[in-house]
Amino acid sequence: MKIKHQIRRLQISCPEPFDVEKILLQSHKHRMLFRAFEEHMMCCSKCFRTVRKIHKFYEILEKELQKKASPEVVAFAKSVYSEKSEV
């Protein structure tokens, strides 16, 4: 009887979108996890779509943050902040 030894790569199941975002944002801290997810994402259309959606969200967010805030929004933010500081 022969025993076969197999070395499997680190396999992960599909994480929740929130966890995908954490993996991407903290890739420098957890390199092995990021690499395992990266490999998984290339084979998993669900995770690939999740990454594309996250990327698109941050792309839109960056564009919005570069726009100048309207005076109404600034006034609203000041009123909310002043209400909280009074409490």
N, C-alpha and C. Protein backbone atom coordinates (compact mmCIF):
# COMPACT_ATOMS: atom_id res chain seq x y z
N MET A 1 0.84 -1.18 0.00
CA MET A 1 0.00 0.00 0.00
C MET A 1 0.88 1.24 0.00
N LYS A 2 0.64 2.13 -0.94
CA LYS A 2 1.41 3.36 -1.04
C LYS A 2 0.60 4.51 -0.47
N ILE A 3 1.31 5.37 0.22
CA ILE A 3 0.68 6.56 0.77
C ILE A 3 1.12 7.74 -0.08
N LYS A 4 0.16 8.45 -0.57
CA LYS A 4 0.47 9.62 -1.40
C LYS A 4 0.37 10.87 -0.54
N HIS A 5 1.40 11.66 -0.58
CA HIS A 5 1.42 12.93 0.15
C HIS A 5 1.18 14.05 -0.86
N GLN A 6 0.25 14.86 -0.55
CA GLN A 6 -0.02 15.99 -1.43
C GLN A 6 0.11 17.28 -0.63
N ILE A 7 0.75 18.22 -1.24
CA ILE A 7 0.87 19.54 -0.63
C ILE A 7 -0.15 20.43 -1.32
N ARG A 8 -1.07 20.92 -0.54
CA ARG A 8 -2.08 21.81 -1.09
C ARG A 8 -1.72 23.25 -0.76
N ARG A 9 -2.03 24.09 -1.69
CA ARG A 9 -1.85 25.52 -1.43
C ARG A 9 -2.92 25.97 -0.46
N LEU A 10 -2.65 27.08 0.20
CA LEU A 10 -3.62 27.63 1.13
C LEU A 10 -4.88 27.98 0.36
N GLN A 11 -5.97 27.36 0.73
CA GLN A 11 -7.23 27.61 0.05
C GLN A 11 -8.18 28.31 1.00
N ILE A 12 -8.88 29.28 0.48
CA ILE A 12 -9.85 29.97 1.31
C ILE A 12 -11.20 29.92 0.61
N SER A 13 -12.25 29.92 1.40
CA SER A 13 -13.58 29.99 0.83
C SER A 13 -13.90 31.46 0.57
N CYS A 14 -15.01 31.70 -0.06
CA CYS A 14 -15.39 33.07 -0.39
C CYS A 14 -15.68 33.87 0.88
N PRO A 15 -14.90 34.90 1.13
CA PRO A 15 -15.17 35.74 2.30
C PRO A 15 -16.32 36.70 2.01
N GLU A 16 -16.88 37.25 3.06
CA GLU A 16 -17.93 38.26 2.92
C GLU A 16 -17.31 39.52 2.30
N PRO A 17 -18.13 40.35 1.61
CA PRO A 17 -17.59 41.57 0.99
C PRO A 17 -16.84 42.47 1.97
N PHE A 18 -17.33 42.57 3.21
CA PHE A 18 -16.63 43.38 4.21
C PHE A 18 -15.23 42.83 4.47
N ASP A 19 -15.10 41.50 4.54
CA ASP A 19 -13.80 40.88 4.76
C ASP A 19 -12.89 41.02 3.55
N VAL A 20 -13.48 40.99 2.36
CA VAL A 20 -12.70 41.21 1.14
C VAL A 20 -12.07 42.59 1.19
N GLU A 21 -12.86 43.57 1.58
CA GLU A 21 -12.34 44.95 1.67
C GLU A 21 -11.21 45.03 2.69
N LYS A 22 -11.37 44.36 3.83
CA LYS A 22 -10.31 44.35 4.84
C LYS A 22 -9.04 43.68 4.30
N ILE A 23 -9.20 42.59 3.57
CA ILE A 23 -8.04 41.90 2.99
C ILE A 23 -7.31 42.83 2.04
N LEU A 24 -8.06 43.54 1.22
CA LEU A 24 -7.44 44.45 0.24
C LEU A 24 -6.78 45.65 0.91
N LEU A 25 -7.45 46.22 1.91
CA LEU A 25 -6.91 47.41 2.57
C LEU A 25 -5.73 47.10 3.47
N GLN A 26 -5.64 45.86 3.96
CA GLN A 26 -4.55 45.49 4.87
C GLN A 26 -3.61 44.48 4.23
N SER A 27 -3.48 44.54 2.92
CA SER A 27 -2.64 43.56 2.22
C SER A 27 -1.18 43.61 2.66
N HIS A 28 -0.71 44.79 3.04
CA HIS A 28 0.68 44.91 3.48
C HIS A 28 0.92 44.23 4.82
N LYS A 29 -0.11 44.08 5.64
CA LYS A 29 0.04 43.44 6.95
C LYS A 29 -0.06 41.91 6.87
N HIS A 30 -0.90 41.44 5.97
CA HIS A 30 -1.18 40.00 5.88
C HIS A 30 -0.92 39.52 4.45
N ARG A 31 0.34 39.47 4.10
CA ARG A 31 0.71 39.16 2.71
C ARG A 31 0.27 37.76 2.26
N MET A 32 0.42 36.77 3.14
CA MET A 32 0.03 35.41 2.74
C MET A 32 -1.47 35.31 2.50
N LEU A 33 -2.24 35.94 3.36
CA LEU A 33 -3.70 35.94 3.18
C LEU A 33 -4.07 36.66 1.90
N PHE A 34 -3.42 37.79 1.64
CA PHE A 34 -3.70 38.53 0.41
C PHE A 34 -3.35 37.70 -0.81
N ARG A 35 -2.21 37.05 -0.80
CA ARG A 35 -1.82 36.22 -1.96
C ARG A 35 -2.78 35.06 -2.16
N ALA A 36 -3.21 34.45 -1.06
CA ALA A 36 -4.17 33.34 -1.17
C ALA A 36 -5.50 33.84 -1.72
N PHE A 37 -5.93 35.00 -1.25
CA PHE A 37 -7.17 35.56 -1.76
C PHE A 37 -7.03 35.95 -3.23
N GLU A 38 -5.90 36.52 -3.58
CA GLU A 38 -5.65 36.92 -4.96
C GLU A 38 -5.75 35.71 -5.89
N GLU A 39 -5.16 34.62 -5.48
CA GLU A 39 -5.21 33.39 -6.27
C GLU A 39 -6.65 32.87 -6.36
N HIS A 40 -7.35 32.92 -5.24
CA HIS A 40 -8.75 32.49 -5.20
C HIS A 40 -9.61 33.37 -6.11
N MET A 41 -9.39 34.67 -6.06
CA MET A 41 -10.19 35.62 -6.82
C MET A 41 -10.08 35.37 -8.32
N MET A 42 -8.91 34.95 -8.77
CA MET A 42 -8.72 34.71 -10.20
C MET A 42 -9.56 33.54 -10.70
N CYS A 43 -9.95 32.66 -9.79
CA CYS A 43 -10.76 31.49 -10.17
C CYS A 43 -12.22 31.65 -9.78
N CYS A 44 -12.54 32.65 -8.99
CA CYS A 44 -13.89 32.81 -8.44
C CYS A 44 -14.53 34.08 -8.99
N SER A 45 -15.53 33.91 -9.82
CA SER A 45 -16.16 35.08 -10.44
C SER A 45 -16.90 35.92 -9.40
N LYS A 46 -17.43 35.30 -8.37
CA LYS A 46 -18.14 36.05 -7.33
C LYS A 46 -17.18 37.02 -6.62
N CYS A 47 -16.04 36.53 -6.21
CA CYS A 47 -15.06 37.39 -5.52
C CYS A 47 -14.47 38.42 -6.47
N PHE A 48 -14.28 38.04 -7.72
CA PHE A 48 -13.76 38.98 -8.71
C PHE A 48 -14.72 40.15 -8.87
N ARG A 49 -16.03 39.87 -8.94
CA ARG A 49 -17.04 40.94 -9.05
C ARG A 49 -17.04 41.81 -7.80
N THR A 50 -16.87 41.18 -6.64
CA THR A 50 -16.83 41.94 -5.39
C THR A 50 -15.67 42.92 -5.40
N VAL A 51 -14.51 42.47 -5.84
CA VAL A 51 -13.32 43.34 -5.90
C VAL A 51 -13.55 44.47 -6.89
N ARG A 52 -14.17 44.17 -8.02
CA ARG A 52 -14.46 45.23 -9.01
C ARG A 52 -15.41 46.27 -8.42
N LYS A 53 -16.42 45.82 -7.67
CA LYS A 53 -17.37 46.76 -7.06
C LYS A 53 -16.68 47.63 -6.01
N ILE A 54 -15.82 47.04 -5.21
CA ILE A 54 -15.08 47.80 -4.19
C ILE A 54 -14.17 48.82 -4.87
N HIS A 55 -13.50 48.39 -5.92
CA HIS A 55 -12.62 49.31 -6.67
C HIS A 55 -13.44 50.47 -7.23
N LYS A 56 -14.59 50.19 -7.80
CA LYS A 56 -15.44 51.24 -8.37
C LYS A 56 -15.92 52.19 -7.28
N PHE A 57 -16.28 51.66 -6.11
CA PHE A 57 -16.72 52.49 -4.99
C PHE A 57 -15.63 53.48 -4.60
N TYR A 58 -14.38 52.99 -4.45
CA TYR A 58 -13.30 53.88 -4.04
C TYR A 58 -12.94 54.88 -5.14
N GLU A 59 -13.12 54.48 -6.38
CA GLU A 59 -12.89 55.39 -7.50
C GLU A 59 -13.89 56.55 -7.45
N ILE A 60 -15.17 56.24 -7.24
CA ILE A 60 -16.22 57.27 -7.13
C ILE A 60 -15.98 58.13 -5.90
N LEU A 61 -15.64 57.49 -4.78
CA LEU A 61 -15.39 58.23 -3.54
C LEU A 61 -14.26 59.24 -3.72
N GLU A 62 -13.19 58.80 -4.37
CA GLU A 62 -12.05 59.70 -4.60
C GLU A 62 -12.46 60.91 -5.44
N LYS A 63 -13.26 60.67 -6.49
CA LYS A 63 -13.72 61.78 -7.33
C LYS A 63 -14.60 62.73 -6.54
N GLU A 64 -15.47 62.19 -5.71
CA GLU A 64 -16.37 63.04 -4.91
C GLU A 64 -15.60 63.86 -3.88
N LEU A 65 -14.58 63.26 -3.29
CA LEU A 65 -13.80 63.98 -2.28
C LEU A 65 -12.98 65.11 -2.88
N GLN A 66 -12.70 65.03 -4.16
CA GLN A 66 -11.95 66.08 -4.82
C GLN A 66 -12.82 67.27 -5.22
N LYS A 67 -14.14 67.06 -5.21
CA LYS A 67 -15.05 68.16 -5.53
C LYS A 67 -15.15 69.11 -4.34
N LYS A 68 -15.37 70.38 -4.66
CA LYS A 68 -15.54 71.37 -3.60
C LYS A 68 -16.93 71.21 -3.00
N ALA A 69 -17.01 71.25 -1.68
CA ALA A 69 -18.29 71.10 -0.98
C ALA A 69 -19.12 72.36 -1.15
N SER A 70 -20.42 72.16 -1.33
CA SER A 70 -21.31 73.32 -1.48
C SER A 70 -21.49 74.00 -0.12
N PRO A 71 -21.80 75.29 -0.12
CA PRO A 71 -21.98 76.01 1.15
C PRO A 71 -23.10 75.42 2.01
N GLU A 72 -24.14 74.85 1.36
CA GLU A 72 -25.24 74.24 2.12
C GLU A 72 -24.75 73.02 2.90
N VAL A 73 -23.92 72.22 2.27
CA VAL A 73 -23.38 71.03 2.93
C VAL A 73 -22.47 71.43 4.08
N VAL A 74 -21.66 72.44 3.89
CA VAL A 74 -20.77 72.91 4.95
C VAL A 74 -21.58 73.44 6.13
N ALA A 75 -22.63 74.21 5.84
CA ALA A 75 -23.48 74.75 6.90
C ALA A 75 -24.17 73.63 7.67
N PHE A 76 -24.64 72.62 6.94
CA PHE A 76 -25.29 71.48 7.58
C PHE A 76 -24.31 70.74 8.49
N ALA A 77 -23.11 70.50 7.99
CA ALA A 77 -22.10 69.79 8.79
C ALA A 77 -21.75 70.59 10.04
N LYS A 78 -21.64 71.90 9.92
CA LYS A 78 -21.34 72.74 11.09
C LYS A 78 -22.46 72.68 12.11
N SER A 79 -23.70 72.69 11.63
CA SER A 79 -24.83 72.64 12.57
C SER A 79 -24.89 71.30 13.29
N VAL A 80 -24.62 70.22 12.60
CA VAL A 80 -24.60 68.89 13.23
C VAL A 80 -23.47 68.82 14.23
N TYR A 81 -22.32 69.33 13.88
CA TYR A 81 -21.16 69.28 14.79
C TYR A 81 -21.42 70.12 16.04
N SER A 82 -22.00 71.29 15.84
CA SER A 82 -22.24 72.15 17.01
C SER A 82 -23.29 71.55 17.95
N GLU A 83 -24.28 70.86 17.39
CA GLU A 83 -25.29 70.17 18.22
C GLU A 83 -24.64 69.08 19.06
N LYS A 84 -23.73 68.33 18.47
CA LYS A 84 -23.08 67.22 19.20
C LYS A 84 -22.14 67.74 20.27
N SER A 85 -21.47 68.86 20.02
CA SER A 85 -20.51 69.37 21.00
C SER A 85 -21.22 69.99 22.20
N GLU A 86 -22.47 70.42 22.02
CA GLU A 86 -23.25 70.99 23.11
C GLU A 86 -23.72 69.93 24.09
N VAL A 87 -23.89 68.71 23.63
CA VAL A 87 -24.42 67.63 24.47
C VAL A 87 -23.41 67.09 25.41
